[in-house]
Amino acid sequence: MALEIIEAVLKAALPLGVLSYFLFRWSLKAGRLEGISGQKAFKAEMKAMKKSAKKKKTRSGNPIHNKWMKFGGGFYGLVGMWTFLVIEALEVYDFATGYQGMDGLMNTLNTTSFTGLAVEFLVNSIKNFITAIVWPGYWPGVLDSQRIWIWLIAAYAGYWIGMKIARGQTNTGKTL
């Protein structure tokens, strides 16, 4: 169990903590959030940010922030975005390493039209987006763990710590 806790901290808490920190820090610096102290006020602020992000006019210039809001913002949205990034990265890796050298890749590209390849990537991306939205059903099968609650607690702890550090820096006037 101790090894699984360490693995959950390294694979869930750490990446989600870093993502959380940077997304909240960016939101606070960009003025999308004020970092109001008090949990209720901050939750109301987050809700308002999610609502405004749904309008196309108010989308930020940051594609990662936009994706986070597309997944719903907050913890659920962050894990959804992380799931999407992991799935996409694994597929790019599989695509890049799935050929026997450059000749295999060139043969595939010669036999497949670029339009067909683009459509295939688009369809895969949509499927990955849907999988990421329903991430609570995705991760238990991937992690192969009987103690999924450890991973969930570690992920939420990373999210919460990253958010708290970002908010604390804003409230005390520290900078990156």
N, C-alpha and C. Protein backbone atom coordinates (compact mmCIF):
# COMPACT_ATOMS: atom_id res chain seq x y z
N MET A 1 0.82 -1.19 0.00
CA MET A 1 0.00 0.00 0.00
C MET A 1 0.87 1.26 0.00
N ALA A 2 2.00 1.21 0.69
CA ALA A 2 2.88 2.38 0.76
C ALA A 2 3.42 2.71 -0.63
N LEU A 3 3.76 1.67 -1.39
CA LEU A 3 4.25 1.92 -2.76
C LEU A 3 3.17 2.53 -3.64
N GLU A 4 1.95 2.10 -3.44
CA GLU A 4 0.85 2.66 -4.23
C GLU A 4 0.60 4.12 -3.87
N ILE A 5 0.76 4.47 -2.61
CA ILE A 5 0.61 5.86 -2.19
C ILE A 5 1.69 6.72 -2.82
N ILE A 6 2.92 6.22 -2.81
CA ILE A 6 4.03 6.96 -3.44
C ILE A 6 3.78 7.12 -4.93
N GLU A 7 3.32 6.04 -5.58
CA GLU A 7 3.02 6.10 -7.01
C GLU A 7 1.89 7.10 -7.29
N ALA A 8 0.87 7.11 -6.45
CA ALA A 8 -0.26 8.04 -6.62
C ALA A 8 0.20 9.48 -6.45
N VAL A 9 1.09 9.70 -5.50
CA VAL A 9 1.62 11.06 -5.30
C VAL A 9 2.40 11.50 -6.53
N LEU A 10 3.26 10.63 -7.05
CA LEU A 10 4.09 11.00 -8.20
C LEU A 10 3.30 11.11 -9.51
N LYS A 11 2.31 10.23 -9.70
CA LYS A 11 1.59 10.19 -10.97
C LYS A 11 0.27 10.96 -10.97
N ALA A 12 -0.26 11.29 -9.80
CA ALA A 12 -1.53 12.01 -9.75
C ALA A 12 -1.40 13.35 -9.03
N ALA A 13 -0.92 13.31 -7.79
CA ALA A 13 -0.87 14.55 -7.00
C ALA A 13 0.10 15.56 -7.60
N LEU A 14 1.27 15.12 -7.98
CA LEU A 14 2.28 16.04 -8.49
C LEU A 14 1.87 16.71 -9.80
N PRO A 15 1.49 15.94 -10.83
CA PRO A 15 1.09 16.62 -12.08
C PRO A 15 -0.15 17.49 -11.93
N LEU A 16 -1.14 17.02 -11.14
CA LEU A 16 -2.34 17.82 -10.96
C LEU A 16 -2.07 19.04 -10.10
N GLY A 17 -1.16 18.92 -9.16
CA GLY A 17 -0.77 20.07 -8.35
C GLY A 17 -0.09 21.14 -9.19
N VAL A 18 0.81 20.72 -10.05
CA VAL A 18 1.51 21.68 -10.92
C VAL A 18 0.52 22.33 -11.89
N LEU A 19 -0.34 21.52 -12.52
CA LEU A 19 -1.35 22.06 -13.44
C LEU A 19 -2.28 23.02 -12.71
N SER A 20 -2.72 22.63 -11.54
CA SER A 20 -3.62 23.46 -10.75
C SER A 20 -2.95 24.79 -10.42
N TYR A 21 -1.72 24.72 -9.97
CA TYR A 21 -0.99 25.94 -9.62
C TYR A 21 -0.93 26.89 -10.82
N PHE A 22 -0.48 26.37 -11.95
CA PHE A 22 -0.32 27.25 -13.11
C PHE A 22 -1.64 27.78 -13.64
N LEU A 23 -2.69 26.97 -13.64
CA LEU A 23 -3.99 27.44 -14.13
C LEU A 23 -4.59 28.48 -13.20
N PHE A 24 -4.53 28.23 -11.90
CA PHE A 24 -5.06 29.22 -10.96
C PHE A 24 -4.19 30.48 -10.96
N ARG A 25 -2.89 30.29 -11.02
CA ARG A 25 -1.99 31.45 -11.03
C ARG A 25 -2.26 32.30 -12.27
N TRP A 26 -2.42 31.65 -13.42
CA TRP A 26 -2.69 32.38 -14.65
C TRP A 26 -4.04 33.09 -14.55
N SER A 27 -5.04 32.41 -14.03
CA SER A 27 -6.38 33.00 -13.89
C SER A 27 -6.34 34.21 -12.97
N LEU A 28 -5.58 34.11 -11.89
CA LEU A 28 -5.48 35.21 -10.94
C LEU A 28 -4.71 36.40 -11.54
N LYS A 29 -3.61 36.11 -12.22
CA LYS A 29 -2.81 37.19 -12.83
C LYS A 29 -3.56 37.86 -13.97
N ALA A 30 -4.36 37.09 -14.71
CA ALA A 30 -5.11 37.64 -15.84
C ALA A 30 -6.37 38.37 -15.38
N GLY A 31 -6.69 38.29 -14.10
CA GLY A 31 -7.87 38.98 -13.58
C GLY A 31 -9.16 38.20 -13.76
N ARG A 32 -9.07 36.96 -14.20
CA ARG A 32 -10.28 36.13 -14.34
C ARG A 32 -10.80 35.73 -12.97
N LEU A 33 -9.90 35.65 -12.01
CA LEU A 33 -10.25 35.40 -10.62
C LEU A 33 -9.58 36.49 -9.78
N GLU A 34 -10.24 36.89 -8.70
CA GLU A 34 -9.65 37.89 -7.82
C GLU A 34 -8.92 37.26 -6.65
N GLY A 35 -9.17 36.00 -6.38
CA GLY A 35 -8.52 35.33 -5.27
C GLY A 35 -9.09 35.76 -3.93
N ILE A 36 -10.38 36.08 -3.94
CA ILE A 36 -11.05 36.51 -2.71
C ILE A 36 -10.86 35.45 -1.64
N SER A 37 -10.48 35.90 -0.45
CA SER A 37 -10.31 34.92 0.62
C SER A 37 -11.68 34.46 1.10
N GLY A 38 -11.72 33.29 1.60
CA GLY A 38 -12.99 32.69 2.01
C GLY A 38 -13.44 31.69 0.96
N GLN A 39 -13.72 30.49 1.39
CA GLN A 39 -14.06 29.41 0.47
C GLN A 39 -15.34 29.67 -0.31
N LYS A 40 -16.38 30.19 0.35
CA LYS A 40 -17.66 30.43 -0.33
C LYS A 40 -17.50 31.47 -1.43
N ALA A 41 -16.79 32.55 -1.12
CA ALA A 41 -16.59 33.62 -2.10
C ALA A 41 -15.77 33.11 -3.28
N PHE A 42 -14.77 32.28 -2.99
CA PHE A 42 -13.93 31.76 -4.07
C PHE A 42 -14.72 30.80 -4.96
N LYS A 43 -15.57 29.98 -4.35
CA LYS A 43 -16.41 29.07 -5.14
C LYS A 43 -17.35 29.86 -6.05
N ALA A 44 -17.90 30.95 -5.54
CA ALA A 44 -18.78 31.80 -6.36
C ALA A 44 -18.00 32.42 -7.51
N GLU A 45 -16.77 32.81 -7.23
CA GLU A 45 -15.91 33.37 -8.28
C GLU A 45 -15.62 32.34 -9.37
N MET A 46 -15.31 31.11 -8.94
CA MET A 46 -15.05 30.03 -9.89
C MET A 46 -16.28 29.77 -10.76
N LYS A 47 -17.45 29.77 -10.14
CA LYS A 47 -18.69 29.54 -10.88
C LYS A 47 -18.90 30.63 -11.93
N ALA A 48 -18.63 31.88 -11.55
CA ALA A 48 -18.77 33.00 -12.49
C ALA A 48 -17.76 32.87 -13.63
N MET A 49 -16.53 32.42 -13.32
CA MET A 49 -15.53 32.25 -14.37
C MET A 49 -15.94 31.16 -15.36
N LYS A 50 -16.49 30.06 -14.84
CA LYS A 50 -16.96 28.98 -15.70
C LYS A 50 -18.08 29.46 -16.62
N LYS A 51 -18.99 30.25 -16.05
CA LYS A 51 -20.12 30.76 -16.82
C LYS A 51 -19.64 31.68 -17.94
N SER A 52 -18.72 32.57 -17.62
CA SER A 52 -18.22 33.50 -18.64
C SER A 52 -17.39 32.79 -19.69
N ALA A 53 -16.73 31.70 -19.31
CA ALA A 53 -15.92 30.95 -20.28
C ALA A 53 -16.78 30.22 -21.31
N LYS A 54 -18.04 29.97 -20.98
CA LYS A 54 -18.93 29.29 -21.92
C LYS A 54 -19.26 30.18 -23.12
N LYS A 55 -19.19 31.49 -22.90
CA LYS A 55 -19.44 32.42 -23.99
C LYS A 55 -18.19 32.52 -24.84
N LYS A 56 -18.34 32.37 -26.14
CA LYS A 56 -17.18 32.38 -27.02
C LYS A 56 -16.42 33.69 -26.97
N LYS A 57 -17.10 34.79 -26.73
CA LYS A 57 -16.45 36.10 -26.71
C LYS A 57 -15.46 36.24 -25.56
N THR A 58 -15.71 35.55 -24.47
CA THR A 58 -14.87 35.74 -23.30
C THR A 58 -13.82 34.66 -23.13
N ARG A 59 -13.57 33.88 -24.14
CA ARG A 59 -12.53 32.86 -24.04
C ARG A 59 -11.18 33.53 -23.91
N SER A 60 -10.33 32.92 -23.12
CA SER A 60 -9.01 33.49 -22.92
C SER A 60 -8.13 33.17 -24.11
N GLY A 61 -6.97 33.79 -24.15
CA GLY A 61 -6.01 33.51 -25.21
C GLY A 61 -5.18 32.28 -24.91
N ASN A 62 -5.42 31.64 -23.79
CA ASN A 62 -4.65 30.49 -23.37
C ASN A 62 -5.44 29.21 -23.70
N PRO A 63 -4.95 28.40 -24.65
CA PRO A 63 -5.71 27.20 -25.03
C PRO A 63 -5.84 26.18 -23.90
N ILE A 64 -4.86 26.13 -23.00
CA ILE A 64 -4.95 25.19 -21.88
C ILE A 64 -6.05 25.63 -20.92
N HIS A 65 -6.14 26.93 -20.67
CA HIS A 65 -7.20 27.46 -19.80
C HIS A 65 -8.56 27.20 -20.44
N ASN A 66 -8.66 27.41 -21.75
CA ASN A 66 -9.92 27.17 -22.45
C ASN A 66 -10.34 25.70 -22.34
N LYS A 67 -9.36 24.80 -22.48
CA LYS A 67 -9.67 23.36 -22.38
C LYS A 67 -10.14 23.02 -20.97
N TRP A 68 -9.50 23.62 -19.97
CA TRP A 68 -9.91 23.40 -18.58
C TRP A 68 -11.35 23.82 -18.37
N MET A 69 -11.72 24.97 -18.92
CA MET A 69 -13.09 25.45 -18.78
C MET A 69 -14.06 24.58 -19.60
N LYS A 70 -13.58 24.06 -20.73
CA LYS A 70 -14.43 23.18 -21.55
C LYS A 70 -14.79 21.91 -20.78
N PHE A 71 -13.86 21.45 -19.95
CA PHE A 71 -14.09 20.27 -19.13
C PHE A 71 -14.85 20.60 -17.86
N GLY A 72 -15.19 21.86 -17.64
CA GLY A 72 -16.01 22.24 -16.50
C GLY A 72 -15.28 23.01 -15.41
N GLY A 73 -13.97 23.20 -15.54
CA GLY A 73 -13.23 23.93 -14.52
C GLY A 73 -13.16 23.15 -13.23
N GLY A 74 -12.53 23.71 -12.22
CA GLY A 74 -12.43 23.06 -10.93
C GLY A 74 -11.68 21.74 -10.99
N PHE A 75 -11.87 20.91 -9.98
CA PHE A 75 -11.17 19.63 -9.89
C PHE A 75 -11.58 18.69 -11.02
N TYR A 76 -12.88 18.57 -11.24
CA TYR A 76 -13.36 17.66 -12.29
C TYR A 76 -12.78 18.05 -13.65
N GLY A 77 -12.81 19.34 -13.94
CA GLY A 77 -12.28 19.83 -15.21
C GLY A 77 -10.79 19.64 -15.34
N LEU A 78 -10.06 19.81 -14.24
CA LEU A 78 -8.62 19.64 -14.27
C LEU A 78 -8.25 18.18 -14.54
N VAL A 79 -8.92 17.26 -13.86
CA VAL A 79 -8.65 15.84 -14.10
C VAL A 79 -9.08 15.45 -15.52
N GLY A 80 -10.19 16.02 -15.99
CA GLY A 80 -10.61 15.77 -17.37
C GLY A 80 -9.57 16.24 -18.37
N MET A 81 -9.03 17.43 -18.14
CA MET A 81 -8.01 17.96 -19.03
C MET A 81 -6.74 17.11 -18.95
N TRP A 82 -6.34 16.73 -17.74
CA TRP A 82 -5.16 15.89 -17.58
C TRP A 82 -5.35 14.54 -18.29
N THR A 83 -6.54 13.97 -18.16
CA THR A 83 -6.85 12.70 -18.83
C THR A 83 -6.73 12.87 -20.33
N PHE A 84 -7.28 13.94 -20.87
CA PHE A 84 -7.19 14.21 -22.31
C PHE A 84 -5.74 14.33 -22.75
N LEU A 85 -4.93 15.08 -22.00
CA LEU A 85 -3.52 15.25 -22.36
C LEU A 85 -2.77 13.93 -22.32
N VAL A 86 -3.04 13.11 -21.31
CA VAL A 86 -2.37 11.81 -21.20
C VAL A 86 -2.76 10.91 -22.38
N ILE A 87 -4.04 10.83 -22.68
CA ILE A 87 -4.50 9.97 -23.78
C ILE A 87 -3.90 10.44 -25.11
N GLU A 88 -3.94 11.75 -25.36
CA GLU A 88 -3.39 12.29 -26.60
C GLU A 88 -1.88 12.03 -26.69
N ALA A 89 -1.16 12.24 -25.60
CA ALA A 89 0.29 12.01 -25.61
C ALA A 89 0.61 10.55 -25.88
N LEU A 90 -0.15 9.64 -25.27
CA LEU A 90 0.06 8.21 -25.52
C LEU A 90 -0.22 7.85 -26.98
N GLU A 91 -1.24 8.45 -27.56
CA GLU A 91 -1.55 8.16 -28.96
C GLU A 91 -0.49 8.73 -29.90
N VAL A 92 0.02 9.90 -29.61
CA VAL A 92 1.10 10.47 -30.43
C VAL A 92 2.34 9.58 -30.33
N TYR A 93 2.64 9.14 -29.11
CA TYR A 93 3.78 8.24 -28.92
C TYR A 93 3.59 6.94 -29.70
N ASP A 94 2.40 6.34 -29.60
CA ASP A 94 2.12 5.11 -30.34
C ASP A 94 2.23 5.33 -31.84
N PHE A 95 1.75 6.47 -32.31
CA PHE A 95 1.82 6.78 -33.75
C PHE A 95 3.27 6.91 -34.19
N ALA A 96 4.06 7.62 -33.39
CA ALA A 96 5.46 7.87 -33.76
C ALA A 96 6.31 6.61 -33.68
N THR A 97 6.01 5.72 -32.75
CA THR A 97 6.84 4.53 -32.58
C THR A 97 6.24 3.29 -33.23
N GLY A 98 5.11 3.42 -33.85
CA GLY A 98 4.42 2.27 -34.42
C GLY A 98 4.90 1.85 -35.79
N TYR A 99 5.96 2.45 -36.26
CA TYR A 99 6.47 2.14 -37.60
C TYR A 99 7.88 1.60 -37.51
N GLN A 100 8.21 0.73 -38.44
CA GLN A 100 9.56 0.17 -38.49
C GLN A 100 10.46 1.14 -39.25
N GLY A 101 10.82 2.21 -38.61
CA GLY A 101 11.70 3.19 -39.22
C GLY A 101 10.95 4.17 -40.10
N MET A 102 11.69 5.02 -40.74
CA MET A 102 11.14 6.07 -41.58
C MET A 102 10.47 5.49 -42.83
N ASP A 103 10.97 4.36 -43.33
CA ASP A 103 10.37 3.74 -44.52
C ASP A 103 8.94 3.31 -44.26
N GLY A 104 8.69 2.72 -43.08
CA GLY A 104 7.34 2.30 -42.73
C GLY A 104 6.39 3.48 -42.63
N LEU A 105 6.87 4.56 -42.06
CA LEU A 105 6.05 5.76 -41.94
C LEU A 105 5.74 6.34 -43.31
N MET A 106 6.74 6.41 -44.18
CA MET A 106 6.54 6.96 -45.52
C MET A 106 5.58 6.08 -46.35
N ASN A 107 5.69 4.75 -46.22
CA ASN A 107 4.77 3.85 -46.92
C ASN A 107 3.34 4.07 -46.46
N THR A 108 3.14 4.26 -45.16
CA THR A 108 1.80 4.51 -44.64
C THR A 108 1.27 5.83 -45.16
N LEU A 109 2.11 6.86 -45.14
CA LEU A 109 1.68 8.17 -45.64
C LEU A 109 1.39 8.14 -47.13
N ASN A 110 2.13 7.33 -47.89
CA ASN A 110 1.88 7.23 -49.33
C ASN A 110 0.57 6.52 -49.63
N THR A 111 0.22 5.51 -48.82
CA THR A 111 -1.01 4.76 -49.08
C THR A 111 -2.24 5.41 -48.46
N THR A 112 -2.05 6.32 -47.52
CA THR A 112 -3.16 7.00 -46.86
C THR A 112 -3.17 8.45 -47.30
N SER A 113 -4.33 8.92 -47.67
CA SER A 113 -4.40 10.33 -48.05
C SER A 113 -4.28 11.20 -46.80
N PHE A 114 -3.75 12.38 -47.00
CA PHE A 114 -3.62 13.30 -45.87
C PHE A 114 -4.99 13.69 -45.33
N THR A 115 -5.98 13.76 -46.21
CA THR A 115 -7.34 14.08 -45.77
C THR A 115 -7.87 12.97 -44.87
N GLY A 116 -7.66 11.73 -45.29
CA GLY A 116 -8.09 10.59 -44.48
C GLY A 116 -7.39 10.56 -43.13
N LEU A 117 -6.10 10.87 -43.15
CA LEU A 117 -5.34 10.90 -41.91
C LEU A 117 -5.83 12.01 -40.99
N ALA A 118 -6.14 13.18 -41.57
CA ALA A 118 -6.66 14.31 -40.77
C ALA A 118 -8.02 13.97 -40.17
N VAL A 119 -8.88 13.32 -40.96
CA VAL A 119 -10.20 12.93 -40.45
C VAL A 119 -10.04 11.90 -39.33
N GLU A 120 -9.11 10.97 -39.50
CA GLU A 120 -8.87 9.96 -38.47
C GLU A 120 -8.39 10.62 -37.18
N PHE A 121 -7.48 11.58 -37.29
CA PHE A 121 -7.00 12.29 -36.10
C PHE A 121 -8.13 13.07 -35.44
N LEU A 122 -8.99 13.69 -36.22
CA LEU A 122 -10.10 14.46 -35.68
C LEU A 122 -11.07 13.55 -34.93
N VAL A 123 -11.42 12.43 -35.54
CA VAL A 123 -12.34 11.47 -34.91
C VAL A 123 -11.73 10.94 -33.61
N ASN A 124 -10.42 10.61 -33.66
CA ASN A 124 -9.74 10.14 -32.45
C ASN A 124 -9.74 11.19 -31.36
N SER A 125 -9.54 12.44 -31.74
CA SER A 125 -9.52 13.53 -30.77
C SER A 125 -10.90 13.68 -30.11
N ILE A 126 -11.95 13.57 -30.88
CA ILE A 126 -13.31 13.66 -30.34
C ILE A 126 -13.57 12.50 -29.38
N LYS A 127 -13.15 11.29 -29.78
CA LYS A 127 -13.31 10.13 -28.90
C LYS A 127 -12.53 10.31 -27.60
N ASN A 128 -11.32 10.87 -27.71
CA ASN A 128 -10.51 11.11 -26.52
C ASN A 128 -11.14 12.17 -25.62
N PHE A 129 -11.76 13.17 -26.23
CA PHE A 129 -12.44 14.21 -25.47
C PHE A 129 -13.59 13.61 -24.67
N ILE A 130 -14.36 12.75 -25.29
CA ILE A 130 -15.48 12.10 -24.61
C ILE A 130 -14.97 11.21 -23.48
N THR A 131 -13.89 10.46 -23.75
CA THR A 131 -13.30 9.62 -22.70
C THR A 131 -12.83 10.47 -21.54
N ALA A 132 -12.23 11.63 -21.84
CA ALA A 132 -11.73 12.50 -20.79
C ALA A 132 -12.87 13.10 -19.96
N ILE A 133 -13.99 13.37 -20.60
CA ILE A 133 -15.14 13.91 -19.87
C ILE A 133 -15.64 12.89 -18.84
N VAL A 134 -15.60 11.63 -19.19
CA VAL A 134 -16.06 10.58 -18.28
C VAL A 134 -14.86 9.90 -17.62
N TRP A 135 -13.88 10.70 -17.20
CA TRP A 135 -12.65 10.18 -16.62
C TRP A 135 -12.85 9.26 -15.42
N PRO A 136 -13.90 9.39 -14.59
CA PRO A 136 -14.04 8.44 -13.49
C PRO A 136 -14.19 6.99 -13.97
N GLY A 137 -14.64 6.80 -15.19
CA GLY A 137 -14.74 5.46 -15.74
C GLY A 137 -13.47 5.01 -16.45
N TYR A 138 -12.62 5.95 -16.81
CA TYR A 138 -11.39 5.64 -17.55
C TYR A 138 -10.25 5.18 -16.64
N TRP A 139 -9.99 5.95 -15.58
CA TRP A 139 -8.81 5.70 -14.76
C TRP A 139 -8.82 4.37 -14.00
N PRO A 140 -9.94 3.89 -13.46
CA PRO A 140 -9.88 2.60 -12.76
C PRO A 140 -9.37 1.46 -13.64
N GLY A 141 -9.72 1.47 -14.92
CA GLY A 141 -9.24 0.42 -15.82
C GLY A 141 -7.77 0.57 -16.18
N VAL A 142 -7.28 1.78 -16.21
CA VAL A 142 -5.89 2.04 -16.58
C VAL A 142 -4.95 1.80 -15.39
N LEU A 143 -5.38 2.18 -14.20
CA LEU A 143 -4.50 2.12 -13.04
C LEU A 143 -4.33 0.71 -12.49
N ASP A 144 -5.27 -0.17 -12.75
CA ASP A 144 -5.19 -1.54 -12.27
C ASP A 144 -4.94 -1.57 -10.77
N SER A 145 -5.82 -0.89 -10.04
CA SER A 145 -5.67 -0.79 -8.59
C SER A 145 -6.99 -1.16 -7.91
N GLN A 146 -6.86 -1.83 -6.79
CA GLN A 146 -8.05 -2.13 -5.99
C GLN A 146 -8.37 -0.97 -5.06
N ARG A 147 -7.42 -0.06 -4.90
CA ARG A 147 -7.59 1.07 -3.99
C ARG A 147 -7.65 2.37 -4.79
N ILE A 148 -8.64 2.53 -5.61
CA ILE A 148 -8.76 3.72 -6.44
C ILE A 148 -8.95 4.97 -5.60
N TRP A 149 -9.45 4.80 -4.39
CA TRP A 149 -9.66 5.94 -3.49
C TRP A 149 -8.33 6.61 -3.14
N ILE A 150 -7.23 5.85 -3.08
CA ILE A 150 -5.92 6.45 -2.82
C ILE A 150 -5.57 7.44 -3.94
N TRP A 151 -5.83 7.02 -5.16
CA TRP A 151 -5.52 7.86 -6.32
C TRP A 151 -6.40 9.10 -6.34
N LEU A 152 -7.66 8.94 -6.00
CA LEU A 152 -8.58 10.06 -5.98
C LEU A 152 -8.19 11.08 -4.90
N ILE A 153 -7.84 10.59 -3.74
CA ILE A 153 -7.41 11.49 -2.65
C ILE A 153 -6.11 12.20 -3.04
N ALA A 154 -5.17 11.47 -3.62
CA ALA A 154 -3.90 12.07 -4.03
C ALA A 154 -4.14 13.14 -5.11
N ALA A 155 -5.00 12.83 -6.07
CA ALA A 155 -5.29 13.78 -7.14
C ALA A 155 -5.93 15.05 -6.57
N TYR A 156 -6.90 14.87 -5.69
CA TYR A 156 -7.56 16.05 -5.11
C TYR A 156 -6.59 16.84 -4.23
N ALA A 157 -5.74 16.16 -3.50
CA ALA A 157 -4.75 16.85 -2.66
C ALA A 157 -3.83 17.69 -3.53
N GLY A 158 -3.37 17.13 -4.66
CA GLY A 158 -2.52 17.90 -5.57
C GLY A 158 -3.23 19.12 -6.10
N TYR A 159 -4.48 18.94 -6.52
CA TYR A 159 -5.29 20.06 -7.02
C TYR A 159 -5.42 21.13 -5.95
N TRP A 160 -5.78 20.74 -4.76
CA TRP A 160 -6.05 21.68 -3.66
C TRP A 160 -4.78 22.42 -3.27
N ILE A 161 -3.66 21.70 -3.15
CA ILE A 161 -2.40 22.34 -2.76
C ILE A 161 -1.94 23.33 -3.83
N GLY A 162 -2.04 22.93 -5.10
CA GLY A 162 -1.67 23.85 -6.18
C GLY A 162 -2.50 25.12 -6.16
N MET A 163 -3.81 24.97 -5.95
CA MET A 163 -4.72 26.12 -5.88
C MET A 163 -4.37 27.00 -4.69
N LYS A 164 -4.14 26.39 -3.53
CA LYS A 164 -3.83 27.15 -2.31
C LYS A 164 -2.52 27.93 -2.47
N ILE A 165 -1.52 27.32 -3.05
CA ILE A 165 -0.25 28.02 -3.24
C ILE A 165 -0.44 29.20 -4.18
N ALA A 166 -1.16 28.99 -5.28
CA ALA A 166 -1.40 30.09 -6.24
C ALA A 166 -2.18 31.22 -5.58
N ARG A 167 -3.23 30.87 -4.83
CA ARG A 167 -4.02 31.90 -4.14
C ARG A 167 -3.20 32.60 -3.07
N GLY A 168 -2.39 31.86 -2.35
CA GLY A 168 -1.56 32.44 -1.31
C GLY A 168 -0.55 33.42 -1.86
N GLN A 169 0.04 33.11 -3.00
CA GLN A 169 0.99 34.02 -3.61
C GLN A 169 0.30 35.29 -4.06
N THR A 170 -0.90 35.17 -4.55
CA THR A 170 -1.64 36.37 -5.00
C THR A 170 -2.02 37.22 -3.80
N ASN A 171 -2.50 36.59 -2.75
CA ASN A 171 -2.93 37.34 -1.58
C ASN A 171 -1.80 38.04 -0.84
N THR A 172 -0.58 37.47 -0.92
CA THR A 172 0.55 38.07 -0.21
C THR A 172 1.39 38.96 -1.11
N GLY A 173 1.05 39.01 -2.38
CA GLY A 173 1.76 39.88 -3.31
C GLY A 173 3.04 39.28 -3.87
N LYS A 174 3.31 37.99 -3.58
CA LYS A 174 4.49 37.35 -4.15
C LYS A 174 4.29 37.14 -5.63
N THR A 175 5.35 37.02 -6.36
CA THR A 175 5.26 36.76 -7.79
C THR A 175 5.91 35.42 -8.11
N LEU A 176 5.71 34.98 -9.33
CA LEU A 176 6.32 33.72 -9.78
C LEU A 176 7.77 33.80 -9.71
